[in-house]
Amino acid sequence: RGNGFQVKLLNFWRPINDFEELRKAKEDLSKFDYLSMKIRKATIKDVPELLKILYQLSPLENIENCKKNDENIVFNKIAENEDYYLMIAEIDGQIIATATLLIQQNLSHHARPYGHIENVVTDINYRGKNIGNLLMHYLIGLARIKNCYKLILNCSKEQVEFYRKSGFEIYNEVEMRFDI
């Protein structure tokens, strides 16, 4: 996470007001099947494989020191939250990437929510194949459907270019944003 740049996705100010636009946004979500890759919400059965990928994001954490019961309790809390999207990308049943979108309710901006992206990581054996970018665009489409006015995330300096490829820009020198 490095210096903790704040990142925002720009172009989220315009609400989706007509059904045709909403239909197109939903179609966008269905276009992200890269070869045999599928993107779906994680289930409790995915937790062991999911953790192996998440620990590639934070290699200083020790996977052996985690208690399986604690992980399952946390996952169940995540699954109960209808605004929490813990997504995985898989090929032939193997999890190859993950990203999280949390929809945060909001009273400002005409009571439109915003999205917070976290834990974007692709398995080391699949990096450089545009999978992370496809997963990011899936989350962008999901945020559009949820009528978010912006997406934000934090990243290190080293990750800024990755997020730029998905349409994020530096915002106020420490934030990036993409308005839809």
N, C-alpha and C. Protein backbone atom coordinates (compact mmCIF):
# COMPACT_ATOMS: atom_id res chain seq x y z
N ARG A 1 0.82 -1.19 0.00
CA ARG A 1 0.00 0.00 0.00
C ARG A 1 0.87 1.25 0.00
N GLY A 2 2.11 1.14 0.35
CA GLY A 2 3.06 2.24 0.21
C GLY A 2 2.59 3.50 0.90
N ASN A 3 2.65 4.61 0.14
CA ASN A 3 2.33 5.92 0.69
C ASN A 3 0.84 6.18 0.82
N GLY A 4 0.01 5.26 0.38
CA GLY A 4 -1.43 5.40 0.56
C GLY A 4 -2.06 6.50 -0.26
N PHE A 5 -1.75 6.58 -1.54
CA PHE A 5 -2.42 7.54 -2.41
C PHE A 5 -3.92 7.31 -2.35
N GLN A 6 -4.66 8.38 -2.33
CA GLN A 6 -6.12 8.28 -2.44
C GLN A 6 -6.45 8.34 -3.92
N VAL A 7 -7.28 7.45 -4.37
CA VAL A 7 -7.61 7.36 -5.79
C VAL A 7 -9.11 7.46 -5.95
N LYS A 8 -9.56 8.21 -6.93
CA LYS A 8 -10.99 8.29 -7.21
C LYS A 8 -11.21 8.02 -8.68
N LEU A 9 -12.33 7.45 -8.99
CA LEU A 9 -12.73 7.22 -10.37
C LEU A 9 -13.57 8.42 -10.80
N LEU A 10 -13.15 9.07 -11.88
CA LEU A 10 -13.85 10.27 -12.35
C LEU A 10 -15.10 9.91 -13.15
N ASN A 11 -15.89 10.92 -13.48
CA ASN A 11 -17.08 10.80 -14.32
C ASN A 11 -18.20 10.02 -13.65
N PHE A 12 -18.37 10.16 -12.37
CA PHE A 12 -19.48 9.52 -11.68
C PHE A 12 -20.58 10.51 -11.32
N TRP A 13 -20.48 11.75 -11.78
CA TRP A 13 -21.44 12.76 -11.34
C TRP A 13 -22.79 12.62 -12.00
N ARG A 14 -22.87 12.12 -13.20
CA ARG A 14 -24.12 12.06 -13.94
C ARG A 14 -24.92 10.84 -13.52
N PRO A 15 -26.14 11.02 -12.99
CA PRO A 15 -26.95 9.86 -12.60
C PRO A 15 -27.47 9.12 -13.83
N ILE A 16 -27.72 7.85 -13.65
CA ILE A 16 -28.34 7.06 -14.71
C ILE A 16 -29.84 7.27 -14.58
N ASN A 17 -30.42 8.02 -15.53
CA ASN A 17 -31.82 8.40 -15.40
C ASN A 17 -32.77 7.63 -16.30
N ASP A 18 -32.29 7.02 -17.36
CA ASP A 18 -33.24 6.31 -18.21
C ASP A 18 -32.93 4.82 -18.24
N PHE A 19 -33.95 4.05 -18.55
CA PHE A 19 -33.83 2.60 -18.51
C PHE A 19 -32.89 2.06 -19.58
N GLU A 20 -32.81 2.74 -20.72
CA GLU A 20 -31.90 2.30 -21.79
C GLU A 20 -30.45 2.36 -21.31
N GLU A 21 -30.11 3.43 -20.61
CA GLU A 21 -28.76 3.57 -20.08
C GLU A 21 -28.47 2.48 -19.05
N LEU A 22 -29.43 2.19 -18.20
CA LEU A 22 -29.27 1.15 -17.20
C LEU A 22 -29.11 -0.21 -17.87
N ARG A 23 -29.89 -0.46 -18.93
CA ARG A 23 -29.78 -1.72 -19.66
C ARG A 23 -28.38 -1.86 -20.26
N LYS A 24 -27.83 -0.77 -20.82
CA LYS A 24 -26.49 -0.81 -21.41
C LYS A 24 -25.44 -1.08 -20.33
N ALA A 25 -25.61 -0.47 -19.16
CA ALA A 25 -24.66 -0.71 -18.08
C ALA A 25 -24.70 -2.17 -17.66
N LYS A 26 -25.89 -2.76 -17.61
CA LYS A 26 -26.00 -4.18 -17.26
C LYS A 26 -25.37 -5.06 -18.34
N GLU A 27 -25.52 -4.67 -19.61
CA GLU A 27 -24.88 -5.41 -20.69
C GLU A 27 -23.37 -5.37 -20.55
N ASP A 28 -22.82 -4.21 -20.13
CA ASP A 28 -21.38 -4.09 -19.93
C ASP A 28 -20.88 -5.17 -18.97
N LEU A 29 -21.66 -5.44 -17.93
CA LEU A 29 -21.25 -6.44 -16.95
C LEU A 29 -21.14 -7.83 -17.57
N SER A 30 -21.98 -8.12 -18.55
CA SER A 30 -21.99 -9.46 -19.12
C SER A 30 -20.89 -9.67 -20.16
N LYS A 31 -20.17 -8.63 -20.54
CA LYS A 31 -19.16 -8.74 -21.59
C LYS A 31 -17.80 -9.20 -21.07
N PHE A 32 -17.63 -9.30 -19.79
CA PHE A 32 -16.32 -9.58 -19.24
C PHE A 32 -16.12 -11.06 -18.97
N ASP A 33 -16.06 -11.84 -20.01
CA ASP A 33 -15.71 -13.25 -19.93
C ASP A 33 -14.48 -13.44 -20.81
N TYR A 34 -13.30 -13.32 -20.22
CA TYR A 34 -12.03 -13.36 -20.93
C TYR A 34 -11.62 -14.81 -21.10
N LEU A 35 -11.67 -15.30 -22.35
CA LEU A 35 -11.46 -16.70 -22.65
C LEU A 35 -12.49 -17.50 -21.86
N SER A 36 -12.04 -18.31 -20.93
CA SER A 36 -13.00 -19.06 -20.12
C SER A 36 -13.14 -18.46 -18.72
N MET A 37 -12.72 -17.19 -18.58
CA MET A 37 -12.76 -16.54 -17.27
C MET A 37 -14.19 -16.16 -16.91
N LYS A 38 -14.51 -16.38 -15.65
CA LYS A 38 -15.81 -15.99 -15.12
C LYS A 38 -15.56 -15.08 -13.91
N ILE A 39 -16.41 -14.07 -13.77
CA ILE A 39 -16.36 -13.19 -12.62
C ILE A 39 -17.64 -13.40 -11.84
N ARG A 40 -17.50 -13.62 -10.52
CA ARG A 40 -18.66 -13.88 -9.68
C ARG A 40 -18.35 -13.45 -8.25
N LYS A 41 -19.40 -13.41 -7.44
CA LYS A 41 -19.23 -13.14 -6.01
C LYS A 41 -18.61 -14.36 -5.35
N ALA A 42 -17.73 -14.12 -4.41
CA ALA A 42 -17.10 -15.21 -3.67
C ALA A 42 -18.11 -15.87 -2.75
N THR A 43 -17.89 -17.16 -2.49
CA THR A 43 -18.70 -17.90 -1.53
C THR A 43 -17.78 -18.39 -0.42
N ILE A 44 -18.37 -18.91 0.64
CA ILE A 44 -17.55 -19.38 1.76
C ILE A 44 -16.62 -20.52 1.34
N LYS A 45 -17.01 -21.30 0.34
CA LYS A 45 -16.14 -22.37 -0.15
C LYS A 45 -14.88 -21.84 -0.81
N ASP A 46 -14.91 -20.57 -1.24
CA ASP A 46 -13.75 -19.96 -1.91
C ASP A 46 -12.70 -19.44 -0.93
N VAL A 47 -13.03 -19.34 0.35
CA VAL A 47 -12.16 -18.67 1.31
C VAL A 47 -10.72 -19.20 1.31
N PRO A 48 -10.46 -20.50 1.39
CA PRO A 48 -9.05 -20.95 1.43
C PRO A 48 -8.25 -20.52 0.20
N GLU A 49 -8.82 -20.69 -0.99
CA GLU A 49 -8.12 -20.31 -2.22
C GLU A 49 -8.02 -18.78 -2.35
N LEU A 50 -9.06 -18.10 -1.92
CA LEU A 50 -9.08 -16.64 -1.95
C LEU A 50 -7.98 -16.06 -1.07
N LEU A 51 -7.79 -16.64 0.10
CA LEU A 51 -6.76 -16.15 1.02
C LEU A 51 -5.36 -16.28 0.42
N LYS A 52 -5.11 -17.35 -0.32
CA LYS A 52 -3.80 -17.52 -0.95
C LYS A 52 -3.49 -16.37 -1.91
N ILE A 53 -4.51 -15.90 -2.61
CA ILE A 53 -4.30 -14.77 -3.52
C ILE A 53 -4.19 -13.46 -2.74
N LEU A 54 -5.04 -13.28 -1.74
CA LEU A 54 -4.98 -12.05 -0.94
C LEU A 54 -3.63 -11.90 -0.24
N TYR A 55 -3.03 -13.00 0.18
CA TYR A 55 -1.73 -12.91 0.85
C TYR A 55 -0.61 -12.55 -0.12
N GLN A 56 -0.85 -12.65 -1.42
CA GLN A 56 0.12 -12.14 -2.39
C GLN A 56 0.13 -10.62 -2.37
N LEU A 57 -0.98 -10.01 -1.98
CA LEU A 57 -1.07 -8.56 -1.84
C LEU A 57 -0.31 -8.09 -0.61
N SER A 58 -0.36 -8.87 0.45
CA SER A 58 0.30 -8.53 1.72
C SER A 58 1.17 -9.70 2.15
N PRO A 59 2.33 -9.88 1.51
CA PRO A 59 3.14 -11.06 1.79
C PRO A 59 3.70 -11.12 3.21
N LEU A 60 3.67 -10.01 3.94
CA LEU A 60 4.18 -10.03 5.31
C LEU A 60 3.23 -10.72 6.26
N GLU A 61 1.97 -10.84 5.86
CA GLU A 61 1.01 -11.58 6.67
C GLU A 61 1.29 -13.06 6.50
N ASN A 62 1.10 -13.81 7.55
CA ASN A 62 1.40 -15.24 7.51
C ASN A 62 0.09 -16.02 7.45
N ILE A 63 -0.12 -16.70 6.34
CA ILE A 63 -1.37 -17.43 6.14
C ILE A 63 -1.55 -18.55 7.17
N GLU A 64 -0.45 -19.13 7.62
CA GLU A 64 -0.54 -20.22 8.59
C GLU A 64 -1.00 -19.74 9.96
N ASN A 65 -0.79 -18.45 10.27
CA ASN A 65 -1.17 -17.92 11.58
C ASN A 65 -2.65 -17.55 11.67
N CYS A 66 -3.35 -17.57 10.55
CA CYS A 66 -4.78 -17.24 10.56
C CYS A 66 -5.59 -18.43 11.02
N LYS A 67 -6.62 -18.15 11.77
CA LYS A 67 -7.51 -19.20 12.23
C LYS A 67 -8.66 -19.33 11.25
N LYS A 68 -8.87 -20.53 10.74
CA LYS A 68 -9.91 -20.76 9.74
C LYS A 68 -11.27 -20.31 10.26
N ASN A 69 -11.55 -20.55 11.51
CA ASN A 69 -12.84 -20.18 12.08
C ASN A 69 -13.04 -18.66 12.01
N ASP A 70 -11.98 -17.89 12.34
CA ASP A 70 -12.07 -16.43 12.28
C ASP A 70 -12.37 -15.96 10.86
N GLU A 71 -11.70 -16.56 9.89
CA GLU A 71 -11.90 -16.18 8.49
C GLU A 71 -13.34 -16.45 8.06
N ASN A 72 -13.88 -17.58 8.48
CA ASN A 72 -15.26 -17.91 8.12
C ASN A 72 -16.25 -16.97 8.77
N ILE A 73 -15.99 -16.58 10.02
CA ILE A 73 -16.87 -15.62 10.71
C ILE A 73 -16.86 -14.29 9.97
N VAL A 74 -15.67 -13.82 9.60
CA VAL A 74 -15.56 -12.55 8.87
C VAL A 74 -16.24 -12.67 7.51
N PHE A 75 -16.00 -13.78 6.80
CA PHE A 75 -16.63 -13.93 5.49
C PHE A 75 -18.15 -13.91 5.61
N ASN A 76 -18.69 -14.57 6.62
CA ASN A 76 -20.15 -14.58 6.80
C ASN A 76 -20.69 -13.18 7.04
N LYS A 77 -19.94 -12.34 7.77
CA LYS A 77 -20.36 -10.95 7.98
C LYS A 77 -20.35 -10.20 6.65
N ILE A 78 -19.31 -10.44 5.84
CA ILE A 78 -19.23 -9.81 4.52
C ILE A 78 -20.42 -10.24 3.67
N ALA A 79 -20.70 -11.53 3.66
CA ALA A 79 -21.78 -12.07 2.82
C ALA A 79 -23.15 -11.52 3.23
N GLU A 80 -23.32 -11.19 4.50
CA GLU A 80 -24.60 -10.64 4.97
C GLU A 80 -24.82 -9.20 4.52
N ASN A 81 -23.75 -8.50 4.15
CA ASN A 81 -23.84 -7.10 3.76
C ASN A 81 -24.14 -7.00 2.27
N GLU A 82 -25.35 -6.58 1.93
CA GLU A 82 -25.74 -6.54 0.51
C GLU A 82 -25.00 -5.47 -0.28
N ASP A 83 -24.30 -4.57 0.39
CA ASP A 83 -23.52 -3.54 -0.29
C ASP A 83 -22.03 -3.90 -0.40
N TYR A 84 -21.68 -5.13 -0.08
CA TYR A 84 -20.28 -5.58 -0.10
C TYR A 84 -20.14 -6.62 -1.20
N TYR A 85 -19.31 -6.32 -2.18
CA TYR A 85 -19.12 -7.22 -3.33
C TYR A 85 -17.68 -7.72 -3.33
N LEU A 86 -17.47 -8.90 -2.79
CA LEU A 86 -16.17 -9.57 -2.80
C LEU A 86 -16.18 -10.46 -4.04
N MET A 87 -15.57 -9.96 -5.10
CA MET A 87 -15.65 -10.61 -6.40
C MET A 87 -14.38 -11.43 -6.66
N ILE A 88 -14.55 -12.50 -7.42
CA ILE A 88 -13.40 -13.29 -7.84
C ILE A 88 -13.49 -13.51 -9.35
N ALA A 89 -12.32 -13.66 -9.94
CA ALA A 89 -12.22 -14.09 -11.34
C ALA A 89 -11.66 -15.50 -11.29
N GLU A 90 -12.24 -16.38 -12.08
CA GLU A 90 -11.77 -17.76 -12.07
C GLU A 90 -11.70 -18.30 -13.49
N ILE A 91 -10.79 -19.23 -13.68
CA ILE A 91 -10.67 -19.96 -14.93
C ILE A 91 -10.69 -21.44 -14.57
N ASP A 92 -11.60 -22.17 -15.19
CA ASP A 92 -11.74 -23.61 -14.93
C ASP A 92 -11.85 -23.92 -13.44
N GLY A 93 -12.59 -23.08 -12.71
CA GLY A 93 -12.82 -23.30 -11.29
C GLY A 93 -11.70 -22.85 -10.38
N GLN A 94 -10.59 -22.35 -10.93
CA GLN A 94 -9.46 -21.88 -10.12
C GLN A 94 -9.53 -20.36 -9.99
N ILE A 95 -9.48 -19.86 -8.76
CA ILE A 95 -9.50 -18.42 -8.52
C ILE A 95 -8.16 -17.83 -8.95
N ILE A 96 -8.23 -16.82 -9.84
CA ILE A 96 -7.00 -16.21 -10.36
C ILE A 96 -6.88 -14.73 -10.00
N ALA A 97 -7.96 -14.12 -9.51
CA ALA A 97 -7.92 -12.71 -9.14
C ALA A 97 -9.10 -12.39 -8.24
N THR A 98 -8.98 -11.29 -7.52
CA THR A 98 -10.06 -10.84 -6.65
C THR A 98 -10.04 -9.32 -6.55
N ALA A 99 -11.18 -8.76 -6.24
CA ALA A 99 -11.31 -7.33 -5.97
C ALA A 99 -12.60 -7.13 -5.18
N THR A 100 -12.61 -6.11 -4.37
CA THR A 100 -13.76 -5.83 -3.52
C THR A 100 -14.32 -4.45 -3.85
N LEU A 101 -15.63 -4.37 -3.91
CA LEU A 101 -16.34 -3.09 -4.06
C LEU A 101 -17.31 -2.98 -2.89
N LEU A 102 -17.18 -1.92 -2.13
CA LEU A 102 -18.11 -1.65 -1.04
C LEU A 102 -18.92 -0.41 -1.43
N ILE A 103 -20.22 -0.56 -1.51
CA ILE A 103 -21.11 0.55 -1.83
C ILE A 103 -21.44 1.25 -0.51
N GLN A 104 -21.11 2.52 -0.43
CA GLN A 104 -21.32 3.27 0.80
C GLN A 104 -22.46 4.27 0.59
N GLN A 105 -23.50 4.13 1.41
CA GLN A 105 -24.65 5.02 1.32
C GLN A 105 -24.22 6.42 1.72
N ASN A 106 -24.94 7.42 1.20
CA ASN A 106 -24.45 8.78 1.31
C ASN A 106 -25.64 9.75 1.27
N LEU A 107 -25.64 10.76 2.12
CA LEU A 107 -26.71 11.75 2.11
C LEU A 107 -26.44 12.89 1.12
N SER A 108 -25.19 13.17 0.84
CA SER A 108 -24.89 14.24 -0.12
C SER A 108 -25.01 13.72 -1.55
N HIS A 109 -24.80 14.60 -2.52
CA HIS A 109 -24.88 14.24 -3.94
C HIS A 109 -26.23 13.59 -4.27
N HIS A 110 -27.29 14.25 -3.81
CA HIS A 110 -28.66 13.77 -4.06
C HIS A 110 -28.87 12.36 -3.52
N ALA A 111 -28.25 12.08 -2.39
CA ALA A 111 -28.37 10.78 -1.70
C ALA A 111 -27.88 9.62 -2.56
N ARG A 112 -26.92 9.90 -3.45
CA ARG A 112 -26.35 8.83 -4.27
C ARG A 112 -25.17 8.21 -3.52
N PRO A 113 -25.04 6.91 -3.57
CA PRO A 113 -23.92 6.25 -2.89
C PRO A 113 -22.61 6.44 -3.67
N TYR A 114 -21.52 6.06 -3.04
CA TYR A 114 -20.24 6.00 -3.74
C TYR A 114 -19.63 4.64 -3.46
N GLY A 115 -18.70 4.26 -4.29
CA GLY A 115 -18.07 2.95 -4.16
C GLY A 115 -16.63 3.08 -3.71
N HIS A 116 -16.21 2.13 -2.91
CA HIS A 116 -14.83 2.06 -2.43
C HIS A 116 -14.26 0.71 -2.88
N ILE A 117 -13.18 0.76 -3.65
CA ILE A 117 -12.54 -0.46 -4.15
C ILE A 117 -11.36 -0.80 -3.26
N GLU A 118 -11.23 -2.08 -2.94
CA GLU A 118 -10.15 -2.57 -2.08
C GLU A 118 -9.66 -3.91 -2.59
N ASN A 119 -8.48 -4.29 -2.14
CA ASN A 119 -7.93 -5.65 -2.30
C ASN A 119 -8.00 -6.16 -3.74
N VAL A 120 -7.49 -5.37 -4.66
CA VAL A 120 -7.41 -5.79 -6.06
C VAL A 120 -6.10 -6.54 -6.23
N VAL A 121 -6.19 -7.82 -6.53
CA VAL A 121 -4.96 -8.61 -6.68
C VAL A 121 -5.21 -9.75 -7.67
N THR A 122 -4.24 -9.95 -8.53
CA THR A 122 -4.25 -11.07 -9.48
C THR A 122 -3.15 -12.03 -9.08
N ASP A 123 -3.44 -13.32 -9.14
CA ASP A 123 -2.44 -14.34 -8.83
C ASP A 123 -1.18 -14.08 -9.66
N ILE A 124 -0.04 -14.25 -9.03
CA ILE A 124 1.24 -13.95 -9.67
C ILE A 124 1.42 -14.69 -11.00
N ASN A 125 0.84 -15.86 -11.13
CA ASN A 125 0.97 -16.65 -12.36
C ASN A 125 0.10 -16.12 -13.50
N TYR A 126 -0.80 -15.18 -13.22
CA TYR A 126 -1.71 -14.66 -14.24
C TYR A 126 -1.55 -13.17 -14.48
N ARG A 127 -0.57 -12.55 -13.85
CA ARG A 127 -0.38 -11.11 -14.02
C ARG A 127 0.10 -10.80 -15.44
N GLY A 128 -0.22 -9.60 -15.89
CA GLY A 128 0.19 -9.16 -17.22
C GLY A 128 -0.73 -9.64 -18.32
N LYS A 129 -1.87 -10.23 -17.98
CA LYS A 129 -2.81 -10.76 -18.97
C LYS A 129 -4.10 -9.93 -19.01
N ASN A 130 -4.09 -8.75 -18.42
CA ASN A 130 -5.23 -7.82 -18.44
C ASN A 130 -6.39 -8.28 -17.55
N ILE A 131 -6.19 -9.27 -16.72
CA ILE A 131 -7.26 -9.79 -15.88
C ILE A 131 -7.67 -8.76 -14.82
N GLY A 132 -6.69 -8.12 -14.19
CA GLY A 132 -7.00 -7.10 -13.19
C GLY A 132 -7.80 -5.95 -13.79
N ASN A 133 -7.43 -5.55 -15.00
CA ASN A 133 -8.14 -4.47 -15.67
C ASN A 133 -9.58 -4.87 -15.98
N LEU A 134 -9.79 -6.09 -16.44
CA LEU A 134 -11.15 -6.57 -16.70
C LEU A 134 -11.98 -6.61 -15.41
N LEU A 135 -11.35 -7.05 -14.33
CA LEU A 135 -12.04 -7.09 -13.04
C LEU A 135 -12.41 -5.67 -12.59
N MET A 136 -11.50 -4.73 -12.80
CA MET A 136 -11.79 -3.33 -12.45
C MET A 136 -12.98 -2.81 -13.26
N HIS A 137 -13.02 -3.11 -14.55
CA HIS A 137 -14.14 -2.64 -15.38
C HIS A 137 -15.45 -3.32 -14.98
N TYR A 138 -15.37 -4.53 -14.51
CA TYR A 138 -16.57 -5.19 -13.97
C TYR A 138 -17.09 -4.39 -12.78
N LEU A 139 -16.18 -4.01 -11.86
CA LEU A 139 -16.60 -3.24 -10.69
C LEU A 139 -17.15 -1.87 -11.09
N ILE A 140 -16.55 -1.25 -12.11
CA ILE A 140 -17.05 0.04 -12.60
C ILE A 140 -18.49 -0.13 -13.10
N GLY A 141 -18.74 -1.17 -13.87
CA GLY A 141 -20.10 -1.43 -14.36
C GLY A 141 -21.07 -1.68 -13.23
N LEU A 142 -20.63 -2.42 -12.22
CA LEU A 142 -21.48 -2.69 -11.06
C LEU A 142 -21.80 -1.39 -10.32
N ALA A 143 -20.80 -0.52 -10.17
CA ALA A 143 -21.02 0.77 -9.50
C ALA A 143 -22.01 1.63 -10.29
N ARG A 144 -21.94 1.55 -11.61
CA ARG A 144 -22.92 2.29 -12.43
C ARG A 144 -24.34 1.79 -12.16
N ILE A 145 -24.50 0.49 -12.14
CA ILE A 145 -25.82 -0.09 -11.88
C ILE A 145 -26.33 0.32 -10.50
N LYS A 146 -25.44 0.43 -9.54
CA LYS A 146 -25.82 0.82 -8.18
C LYS A 146 -25.98 2.33 -8.04
N ASN A 147 -25.84 3.06 -9.17
CA ASN A 147 -26.03 4.51 -9.24
C ASN A 147 -25.03 5.29 -8.39
N CYS A 148 -23.82 4.76 -8.24
CA CYS A 148 -22.77 5.48 -7.52
C CYS A 148 -22.38 6.73 -8.31
N TYR A 149 -22.00 7.78 -7.58
CA TYR A 149 -21.55 8.98 -8.27
C TYR A 149 -20.04 9.02 -8.41
N LYS A 150 -19.32 8.17 -7.66
CA LYS A 150 -17.87 8.10 -7.80
C LYS A 150 -17.37 6.78 -7.23
N LEU A 151 -16.16 6.44 -7.61
CA LEU A 151 -15.42 5.32 -7.03
C LEU A 151 -14.13 5.87 -6.47
N ILE A 152 -13.72 5.36 -5.31
CA ILE A 152 -12.45 5.75 -4.72
C ILE A 152 -11.67 4.50 -4.36
N LEU A 153 -10.35 4.66 -4.26
CA LEU A 153 -9.49 3.59 -3.77
C LEU A 153 -8.17 4.18 -3.33
N ASN A 154 -7.44 3.44 -2.56
CA ASN A 154 -6.09 3.82 -2.14
C ASN A 154 -5.10 2.91 -2.83
N CYS A 155 -3.95 3.46 -3.21
CA CYS A 155 -2.93 2.61 -3.81
C CYS A 155 -1.55 3.22 -3.56
N SER A 156 -0.54 2.41 -3.80
CA SER A 156 0.83 2.89 -3.69
C SER A 156 1.22 3.60 -4.99
N LYS A 157 2.32 4.33 -4.97
CA LYS A 157 2.82 5.00 -6.17
C LYS A 157 3.03 3.99 -7.30
N GLU A 158 3.48 2.81 -6.94
CA GLU A 158 3.78 1.79 -7.94
C GLU A 158 2.52 1.30 -8.67
N GLN A 159 1.37 1.45 -8.07
CA GLN A 159 0.12 0.95 -8.66
C GLN A 159 -0.66 2.00 -9.44
N VAL A 160 -0.21 3.25 -9.42
CA VAL A 160 -0.96 4.33 -10.07
C VAL A 160 -1.19 4.03 -11.55
N GLU A 161 -0.18 3.57 -12.27
CA GLU A 161 -0.34 3.30 -13.71
C GLU A 161 -1.37 2.20 -13.97
N PHE A 162 -1.40 1.19 -13.12
CA PHE A 162 -2.41 0.13 -13.27
C PHE A 162 -3.81 0.73 -13.23
N TYR A 163 -4.06 1.59 -12.25
CA TYR A 163 -5.40 2.17 -12.11
C TYR A 163 -5.69 3.20 -13.20
N ARG A 164 -4.67 3.87 -13.70
CA ARG A 164 -4.88 4.79 -14.83
C ARG A 164 -5.42 4.04 -16.05
N LYS A 165 -4.96 2.82 -16.26
CA LYS A 165 -5.42 2.02 -17.40
C LYS A 165 -6.92 1.72 -17.30
N SER A 166 -7.45 1.78 -16.09
CA SER A 166 -8.89 1.55 -15.88
C SER A 166 -9.68 2.85 -15.87
N GLY A 167 -9.01 3.98 -16.10
CA GLY A 167 -9.71 5.26 -16.18
C GLY A 167 -9.58 6.14 -14.96
N PHE A 168 -8.83 5.72 -13.96
CA PHE A 168 -8.63 6.54 -12.77
C PHE A 168 -7.60 7.62 -13.07
N GLU A 169 -7.74 8.75 -12.39
CA GLU A 169 -6.80 9.85 -12.53
C GLU A 169 -6.46 10.37 -11.15
N ILE A 170 -5.27 10.97 -11.04
CA ILE A 170 -4.90 11.60 -9.77
C ILE A 170 -5.84 12.78 -9.53
N TYR A 171 -6.34 12.88 -8.34
CA TYR A 171 -7.31 13.89 -7.97
C TYR A 171 -6.77 14.65 -6.78
N ASN A 172 -6.62 15.96 -6.92
CA ASN A 172 -6.04 16.79 -5.85
C ASN A 172 -4.68 16.27 -5.41
N GLU A 173 -3.90 15.78 -6.32
CA GLU A 173 -2.53 15.30 -6.13
C GLU A 173 -2.41 14.06 -5.28
N VAL A 174 -3.41 13.73 -4.51
CA VAL A 174 -3.35 12.50 -3.72
C VAL A 174 -4.55 11.61 -3.98
N GLU A 175 -5.44 12.03 -4.84
CA GLU A 175 -6.62 11.23 -5.15
C GLU A 175 -6.76 11.08 -6.65
N MET A 176 -7.35 9.96 -7.06
CA MET A 176 -7.67 9.74 -8.47
C MET A 176 -9.17 9.54 -8.59
N ARG A 177 -9.71 9.93 -9.74
CA ARG A 177 -11.15 9.90 -9.89
C ARG A 177 -11.53 9.76 -11.36
N PHE A 178 -12.65 9.10 -11.64
CA PHE A 178 -13.16 8.87 -12.99
C PHE A 178 -14.66 9.13 -12.97
N ASP A 179 -15.12 10.20 -13.60
CA ASP A 179 -16.55 10.53 -13.61
C ASP A 179 -17.24 9.80 -14.75
N ILE A 180 -18.38 9.18 -14.47
CA ILE A 180 -19.16 8.44 -15.48
C ILE A 180 -20.37 9.25 -15.87
